[in-house]
């Protein structure tokens, strides 16, 4: 019993000693904790100041953007309270101009890169649709669209043989104006390309007689002359796909019934289907197939 009692006393003394040591270490840990909290407070203050500066910069940018978008009257310039000669003011103006250009580029990308200007005080827009062929700019067509209450084509310079209303319905002008403009641009550029090819045929190939063509340039009938035998060949190019510059069908007629089906003229048929007509004729002349 005496041994057990002694052990219990020793254990109790050991516990008291541990508690005493822990009390001695606590005051040493407190300064370290206080230092840590102070550092955290300082970091939060720095973060707060940075956020305040960003908010102020953003507000000034918004004011400058509004001023630039409205072409900056004197009253609007006074609303932006900044020193005109300060570096910060110049930097903010550059940043505002940068965001303005980014927005314009984004809008330009959304509408497919078409040139658009507001009309009738913002109630409508005028879209310019340029055409080009083989690196040469050709005609530019304009399309004026009312914005309210619904999108509606009010005026345009599109040729009457381009199915404008059908394209607007098929592309769903109300919900997808970019698809409509892209499809319309395809038709216009294909027409301009076919028209330009016809012009080049007449300019570059005096020996080729253009017998027939239509306003859409979707049909082209030409007369060739075969060297040596001087046989005439009637060539018909049919452009049934009005979004392309190349024919979908080529047909030859000749007094020599065997000529159109010959391997040589089958190659000419493929050439005319795969190559712009004025370039194909140059190749056919070099091969000695036509005069």
Protein backbone atom coordinates (compact mmCIF):
# COMPACT_ATOMS: atom_id res chain seq x y z
CA UNK A 1 0.00 0.00 0.00
CA UNK A 2 2.84 2.34 0.81
CA UNK A 3 4.42 1.70 -2.62
CA UNK A 4 1.19 2.44 -4.47
CA UNK A 5 0.69 5.63 -2.51
CA UNK A 6 4.23 6.78 -3.32
CA UNK A 7 3.66 6.09 -7.04
CA UNK A 8 0.45 8.11 -7.03
CA UNK A 9 2.20 11.05 -5.42
CA UNK A 10 5.03 10.94 -7.93
CA UNK A 11 2.58 10.88 -10.83
CA UNK A 12 0.76 13.85 -9.42
CA UNK A 13 4.02 15.74 -8.94
CA UNK A 14 5.01 14.95 -12.57
CA UNK A 15 1.65 16.31 -13.79
CA UNK A 16 2.10 19.51 -11.79
CA UNK A 17 5.61 19.91 -13.24
CA UNK A 18 4.31 19.56 -16.82
CA UNK A 19 1.60 22.12 -16.16
CA UNK A 20 4.13 24.52 -14.68
CA UNK A 21 6.38 24.20 -17.74
CA UNK A 22 3.46 24.80 -20.12
CA UNK A 23 2.58 28.00 -18.28
CA UNK A 24 6.18 29.19 -18.67
CA UNK A 25 6.17 28.60 -22.47
CA UNK A 26 2.81 30.34 -23.12
CA UNK A 27 4.08 33.89 -22.58
CA UNK A 28 6.89 33.14 -25.07
CA UNK A 29 4.40 31.99 -27.72
CA UNK A 30 2.11 35.02 -27.39
CA UNK A 31 4.53 37.60 -28.92
CA UNK A 32 5.02 35.30 -31.91
CA UNK A 33 1.24 35.06 -32.43
CA UNK A 34 0.82 38.82 -32.11
CA UNK A 35 3.55 39.35 -34.73
CA UNK A 36 1.83 36.94 -37.08
CA UNK A 37 -1.53 38.71 -36.70
CA UNK A 38 0.07 42.12 -37.31
CA UNK A 39 1.65 40.88 -40.54
CA UNK A 40 -1.73 39.54 -41.68
CA UNK A 41 -3.43 42.86 -40.91
CA UNK A 42 -0.76 44.72 -42.93
CA UNK A 43 -1.24 42.37 -45.91
CA UNK A 44 -4.99 42.92 -45.79
CA UNK A 45 -4.49 46.70 -45.70
CA UNK A 46 -2.26 46.52 -48.79
CA UNK A 47 -4.84 44.38 -50.56
CA UNK A 48 -7.58 46.86 -49.57
CA UNK A 49 -5.58 49.79 -51.00
CA UNK A 50 -4.98 47.90 -54.23
CA UNK A 51 -8.69 47.15 -54.59
CA UNK A 52 -9.55 50.80 -53.94
CA UNK A 53 -7.08 51.89 -56.63
CA UNK A 54 -8.49 49.36 -59.11
CA UNK A 55 -12.06 50.52 -58.41
CA UNK A 56 -11.06 54.16 -58.88
CA UNK A 57 -9.26 53.33 -62.13
CA UNK A 58 -12.24 51.36 -63.39
CA UNK A 59 -14.63 54.22 -62.59
CA UNK A 60 -12.41 56.72 -64.41
CA UNK A 61 -12.15 54.38 -67.39
CA UNK A 62 -15.92 54.05 -67.52
CA UNK A 63 -16.30 57.84 -67.49
CA UNK A 64 -13.70 58.25 -70.22
CA UNK A 65 -15.30 55.52 -72.33
CA UNK A 66 -18.68 57.20 -72.03
CA UNK A 67 -17.09 60.49 -73.03
CA UNK A 68 -15.34 58.93 -76.04
CA UNK A 69 -18.41 57.01 -77.17
CA UNK A 70 -20.43 60.23 -77.19
CA UNK A 71 -17.60 62.06 -79.00
CA UNK A 72 -16.74 64.05 -75.84
CA UNK A 73 -18.58 67.30 -75.22
CA UNK A 74 -17.08 69.96 -72.88
CA UNK A 75 -19.56 69.08 -70.13
CA UNK A 76 -18.64 65.42 -70.28
CA UNK A 77 -14.96 66.21 -70.11
CA UNK A 78 -15.53 68.20 -66.91
CA UNK A 79 -17.23 65.19 -65.33
CA UNK A 80 -13.95 63.30 -65.44
CA UNK A 81 -12.00 65.09 -62.73
CA UNK A 82 -8.38 64.48 -63.67
CA UNK A 83 -5.31 66.53 -64.30
CA UNK A 84 -5.03 66.64 -68.10
CA UNK A 85 -1.23 66.91 -67.97
CA UNK A 86 -0.58 64.15 -65.45
CA UNK A 87 0.93 60.83 -66.48
CA UNK A 88 -1.94 58.97 -64.81
CA UNK A 89 -4.46 60.92 -66.88
CA UNK A 90 -2.66 60.15 -70.14
CA UNK A 91 -2.32 56.49 -69.19
CA UNK A 92 -6.03 56.24 -68.34
CA UNK A 93 -6.97 57.80 -71.67
CA UNK A 94 -4.79 55.31 -73.49
CA UNK A 95 -6.37 52.45 -71.54
CA UNK A 96 -9.86 53.76 -72.33
CA UNK A 97 -9.01 54.02 -76.01
CA UNK A 98 -7.58 50.50 -75.91
CA UNK A 99 -10.77 49.04 -74.42
CA UNK A 100 -12.85 50.97 -76.94
CA UNK A 101 -10.87 49.51 -79.84
CA UNK A 102 -11.10 46.02 -78.35
CA UNK A 103 -14.89 46.36 -78.16
CA UNK A 104 -15.04 47.57 -81.75
CA UNK A 105 -12.90 44.66 -82.93
CA UNK A 106 -15.06 42.24 -80.99
CA UNK A 107 -18.22 43.66 -82.55
CA UNK A 108 -16.56 43.54 -85.98
CA UNK A 109 -15.75 39.88 -85.41
CA UNK A 110 -19.29 39.05 -84.27
CA UNK A 111 -20.81 40.41 -87.48
CA UNK A 112 -18.26 38.57 -89.59
CA UNK A 113 -15.94 41.46 -90.37
CA UNK A 114 -18.53 43.51 -92.26
CA UNK A 115 -18.48 47.31 -92.18
CA UNK A 116 -21.53 48.59 -90.30
CA UNK A 117 -22.66 52.14 -89.60
CA UNK A 118 -25.66 53.37 -87.65
CA UNK A 119 -28.49 55.06 -89.54
CA UNK A 120 -31.47 57.17 -88.50
CA UNK A 121 -30.07 57.93 -85.04
CA UNK A 122 -29.44 54.30 -84.18
CA UNK A 123 -32.80 52.97 -85.35
CA UNK A 124 -31.11 51.06 -88.16
CA UNK A 125 -27.76 49.93 -89.52
CA UNK A 126 -26.21 49.94 -92.97
CA UNK A 127 -24.04 46.94 -93.80
CA UNK A 128 -21.48 47.11 -96.61
CA UNK A 129 -20.80 43.87 -98.49
CA UNK A 130 -17.65 44.15 -100.62
CA UNK A 131 -16.88 41.62 -103.34
CA UNK A 132 -13.53 40.52 -104.72
CA UNK A 133 -12.12 37.96 -107.10
CA UNK A 134 -8.57 36.70 -107.38
CA UNK A 135 -7.25 39.49 -105.17
CA UNK A 136 -9.09 42.26 -107.04
CA UNK A 137 -11.77 44.28 -105.23
CA UNK A 138 -14.93 44.65 -107.28
CA UNK A 139 -18.38 46.06 -106.48
CA UNK A 140 -19.60 46.89 -102.97
CA UNK A 141 -23.26 46.36 -102.12
CA UNK A 142 -25.16 47.99 -99.27
CA UNK A 143 -27.94 46.69 -97.09
CA UNK A 144 -29.94 48.85 -94.67
CA UNK A 145 -31.64 46.98 -91.85
CA UNK A 146 -34.24 48.33 -89.41
CA UNK A 147 -33.56 47.19 -85.84
CA UNK A 148 -36.94 47.83 -84.22
CA UNK A 149 -39.46 46.42 -83.57
CA UNK A 150 -37.92 43.48 -85.48
CA UNK A 151 -35.03 43.15 -87.90
CA UNK A 152 -36.24 44.12 -91.37
CA UNK A 153 -34.47 44.93 -94.64
CA UNK A 154 -35.62 48.43 -95.58
CA UNK A 155 -33.34 49.36 -98.49
CA UNK A 156 -30.54 47.71 -100.45
CA UNK A 157 -28.48 47.76 -103.63
CA UNK A 158 -28.42 43.96 -104.03
CA UNK A 159 -29.04 42.85 -107.66
CA UNK A 160 -32.65 41.71 -108.15
CA UNK A 161 -31.63 38.23 -109.33
CA UNK A 162 -30.03 37.48 -105.92
CA UNK A 163 -32.82 35.85 -103.81
CA UNK A 164 -32.49 38.25 -100.90
CA UNK A 165 -35.81 37.54 -99.18
CA UNK A 166 -35.41 33.77 -99.52
CA UNK A 167 -31.92 33.94 -98.02
CA UNK A 168 -33.24 36.03 -95.11
CA UNK A 169 -35.91 33.41 -94.37
CA UNK A 170 -33.60 30.41 -94.77
CA UNK A 171 -30.89 31.92 -92.56
CA UNK A 172 -33.42 33.19 -89.97
CA UNK A 173 -32.46 36.87 -90.06
CA UNK A 174 -34.17 37.56 -86.71
CA UNK A 175 -31.93 35.24 -84.67
CA UNK A 176 -28.79 34.72 -86.74
CA UNK A 177 -27.87 37.81 -88.73
CA UNK A 178 -24.27 36.70 -89.22
CA UNK A 179 -25.29 33.49 -91.02
CA UNK A 180 -27.57 35.56 -93.26
CA UNK A 181 -24.77 38.02 -94.08
CA UNK A 182 -22.29 35.20 -94.71
CA UNK A 183 -24.68 33.42 -97.09
CA UNK A 184 -25.54 36.65 -98.90
CA UNK A 185 -21.84 37.48 -99.20
CA UNK A 186 -21.21 34.04 -100.70
CA UNK A 187 -23.83 34.63 -103.38
CA UNK A 188 -22.54 38.13 -104.17
CA UNK A 189 -18.88 37.10 -104.34
CA UNK A 190 -19.69 34.07 -106.50
CA UNK A 191 -21.70 36.26 -108.88
CA UNK A 192 -18.90 38.86 -108.97
CA UNK A 193 -16.37 36.09 -109.63
CA UNK A 194 -18.36 34.60 -112.53
CA UNK A 195 -18.91 38.06 -113.99
CA UNK A 196 -15.19 38.85 -113.73
CA UNK A 197 -14.28 35.54 -115.40
CA UNK A 198 -16.61 36.36 -118.32
CA UNK A 199 -14.98 39.76 -118.64
CA UNK A 200 -11.50 38.18 -118.71
CA UNK A 201 -12.58 35.62 -121.33
CA UNK A 202 -13.66 38.45 -123.63
CA UNK A 203 -10.47 40.44 -122.98
CA UNK A 204 -7.91 37.62 -123.13
CA UNK A 205 -9.37 35.21 -125.67
CA UNK A 206 -10.35 36.96 -128.87
CA UNK A 207 -10.51 33.64 -130.75
CA UNK A 208 -13.20 32.33 -128.38
CA UNK A 209 -16.66 33.58 -129.25
CA UNK A 210 -19.09 34.11 -126.38
CA UNK A 211 -22.43 33.02 -127.77
CA UNK A 212 -24.66 33.40 -124.74
CA UNK A 213 -24.68 34.42 -121.06
CA UNK A 214 -27.27 35.68 -118.59
CA UNK A 215 -27.28 38.51 -116.01
CA UNK A 216 -26.52 36.10 -113.17
CA UNK A 217 -23.64 34.66 -115.21
CA UNK A 218 -24.93 31.20 -114.35
CA UNK A 219 -24.91 30.09 -118.00
CA UNK A 220 -22.03 30.60 -120.41
CA UNK A 221 -22.01 29.31 -123.99
CA UNK A 222 -18.79 29.62 -126.02
CA UNK A 223 -17.66 28.59 -129.47
CA UNK A 224 -14.19 27.05 -129.86
CA UNK A 225 -12.31 26.23 -133.02
CA UNK A 226 -10.18 23.09 -133.13
CA UNK A 227 -6.84 23.65 -134.97
CA UNK A 228 -5.90 21.86 -138.20
CA UNK A 229 -9.35 20.39 -138.89
CA UNK A 230 -11.01 23.76 -138.09
CA UNK A 231 -13.90 21.99 -136.40
CA UNK A 232 -16.24 24.16 -134.30
CA UNK A 233 -17.05 23.08 -130.75
CA UNK A 234 -19.93 24.54 -128.79
CA UNK A 235 -19.16 24.58 -125.04
CA UNK A 236 -21.85 25.16 -122.39
CA UNK A 237 -20.93 25.90 -118.78
CA UNK A 238 -23.77 25.55 -116.28
CA UNK A 239 -23.29 27.14 -112.83
CA UNK A 240 -26.20 25.59 -110.90
CA UNK A 241 -24.57 26.28 -107.53
CA UNK A 242 -24.86 30.05 -107.26
CA UNK A 243 -22.46 30.20 -104.31
CA UNK A 244 -19.51 29.03 -106.45
CA UNK A 245 -17.43 30.44 -109.30
CA UNK A 246 -16.89 27.07 -110.98
CA UNK A 247 -19.43 25.28 -113.20
CA UNK A 248 -21.22 22.16 -112.01
CA UNK A 249 -21.75 20.89 -115.57
CA UNK A 250 -19.75 21.17 -118.81
CA UNK A 251 -21.20 20.06 -122.14
CA UNK A 252 -19.56 19.93 -125.60
CA UNK A 253 -21.32 19.76 -128.98
CA UNK A 254 -19.58 19.32 -132.33
CA UNK A 255 -20.20 18.16 -135.90
CA UNK A 256 -17.54 15.56 -135.12
CA UNK A 257 -19.67 13.32 -132.90
CA UNK A 258 -16.65 11.42 -131.61
CA UNK A 259 -14.75 14.51 -130.45
CA UNK A 260 -16.64 15.26 -127.17
CA UNK A 261 -16.17 11.67 -125.98
CA UNK A 262 -12.46 11.50 -126.79
CA UNK A 263 -9.95 11.22 -123.89
CA UNK A 264 -8.46 14.59 -124.78
CA UNK A 265 -11.77 16.43 -124.56
CA UNK A 266 -12.79 14.56 -121.43
CA UNK A 267 -9.67 16.09 -119.86
CA UNK A 268 -10.83 19.48 -121.14
CA UNK A 269 -14.20 18.87 -119.47
CA UNK A 270 -12.55 18.16 -116.11
CA UNK A 271 -10.24 21.15 -116.56
CA UNK A 272 -13.19 23.53 -117.09
CA UNK A 273 -14.96 22.14 -114.00
CA UNK A 274 -11.92 22.54 -111.75
CA UNK A 275 -10.31 25.74 -113.08
CA UNK A 276 -11.68 29.26 -113.71
CA UNK A 277 -12.73 29.42 -117.34
CA UNK A 278 -10.29 32.12 -118.50
CA UNK A 279 -7.37 30.15 -117.01
CA UNK A 280 -8.64 26.83 -118.40
CA UNK A 281 -8.76 28.32 -121.90
CA UNK A 282 -5.09 29.34 -121.63
CA UNK A 283 -4.19 25.74 -120.78
CA UNK A 284 -6.33 24.37 -123.65
CA UNK A 285 -4.56 26.71 -126.08
CA UNK A 286 -1.14 25.60 -124.84
CA UNK A 287 -2.12 21.95 -125.33
CA UNK A 288 -3.23 22.77 -128.90
CA UNK A 289 -6.88 21.83 -128.35
CA UNK A 290 -8.32 25.19 -129.42
CA UNK A 291 -7.21 28.09 -131.55
